[in-house]
Protein backbone atom coordinates (compact mmCIF):
# COMPACT_ATOMS: atom_id res chain seq x y z
CA MET A 1 -69.47 13.27 42.29
CA GLU A 2 -70.72 11.55 39.16
CA ILE A 3 -71.17 13.53 35.93
CA LYS A 4 -74.93 12.94 36.05
CA GLU A 5 -75.00 14.87 39.35
CA TRP A 6 -73.03 17.93 38.29
CA TRP A 7 -74.08 18.05 34.62
CA PRO A 8 -77.52 19.62 35.36
CA LYS A 9 -75.84 22.34 37.45
CA LEU A 10 -73.74 23.56 34.50
CA SER A 11 -74.86 26.53 32.47
CA GLU A 12 -76.43 25.77 29.12
CA SER A 13 -73.39 27.28 27.40
CA ALA A 14 -70.99 24.96 29.29
CA ARG A 15 -73.11 21.91 28.45
CA GLU A 16 -73.28 22.97 24.80
CA TRP A 17 -69.50 23.49 24.75
CA LEU A 18 -68.87 20.01 26.18
CA ILE A 19 -71.25 18.44 23.66
CA ALA A 20 -69.69 20.32 20.73
CA ASN A 21 -66.09 19.73 21.85
CA ASN A 22 -66.49 16.22 23.25
CA GLY A 23 -63.04 14.62 23.22
CA ASP A 24 -61.13 17.91 23.06
CA VAL A 25 -59.20 19.60 25.85
CA VAL A 26 -61.69 21.00 28.38
CA ALA A 27 -61.62 24.79 28.47
CA GLY A 28 -60.45 26.38 31.73
CA ALA A 29 -63.73 28.26 32.20
CA VAL A 30 -65.66 25.00 31.83
CA LEU A 31 -63.34 23.26 34.32
CA ASN A 32 -64.03 26.08 36.79
CA GLU A 33 -67.76 25.69 36.28
CA ILE A 34 -67.54 21.90 36.75
CA ALA A 35 -65.67 22.46 40.02
CA SER A 36 -68.28 25.00 41.16
CA ALA A 37 -71.03 22.48 40.36
CA GLY A 38 -69.39 19.87 42.60
CA GLY A 39 -67.29 17.93 40.12
CA VAL A 40 -63.81 16.90 41.26
CA VAL A 41 -61.29 18.54 38.94
CA GLU A 42 -58.07 16.66 39.65
CA SER A 43 -56.27 13.67 38.26
CA GLY A 44 -57.89 10.49 39.45
CA ALA A 45 -61.43 11.80 38.95
CA TRP A 46 -63.26 9.19 36.86
CA TRP A 47 -64.43 11.71 34.29
CA ILE A 48 -60.89 12.94 33.57
CA GLY A 49 -59.02 10.98 30.95
CA GLU A 50 -55.60 12.19 29.93
CA SER A 51 -53.99 15.25 31.42
CA GLY A 52 -51.07 16.72 29.62
CA PRO A 53 -49.33 19.95 28.80
CA GLU A 54 -52.31 21.00 26.70
CA GLY A 55 -54.78 20.48 29.56
CA VAL A 56 -57.43 18.08 30.81
CA TYR A 57 -59.38 15.72 28.57
CA LEU A 58 -62.59 13.88 29.37
CA SER A 59 -62.40 10.14 29.93
CA GLU A 60 -63.98 7.77 27.43
CA ARG A 61 -66.67 6.96 29.99
CA ALA A 62 -67.52 10.67 30.31
CA THR A 63 -67.54 11.31 26.56
CA ASP A 64 -69.86 8.31 26.06
CA TRP A 65 -72.20 9.65 28.76
CA ILE A 66 -72.21 13.13 27.19
CA GLU A 67 -72.95 11.71 23.73
CA LYS A 68 -75.93 9.76 25.10
CA THR A 69 -77.16 12.83 26.99
CA ALA A 70 -76.73 15.07 23.95
CA ASN A 71 -78.74 12.65 21.83
CA ARG A 72 -81.59 12.78 24.36
CA GLU A 73 -81.48 16.58 24.60
CA HIS A 74 -81.34 17.34 20.87
């Protein structure tokens, strides 16, 4: 599922967290919420960039989309 499909299903606090922390490791609670909203939370999902010992990062494509969305919302 594309980010534009699950983004509106996230709570306002999760969306605000992703906007504020765009490019950082995605918090576990936010990952759980993304999964509940229909987003695929596993390596190979287009919105996941690097995964490492620290956790899951958003892909460049996803961070660009979030930045554009944040600019429209704020």
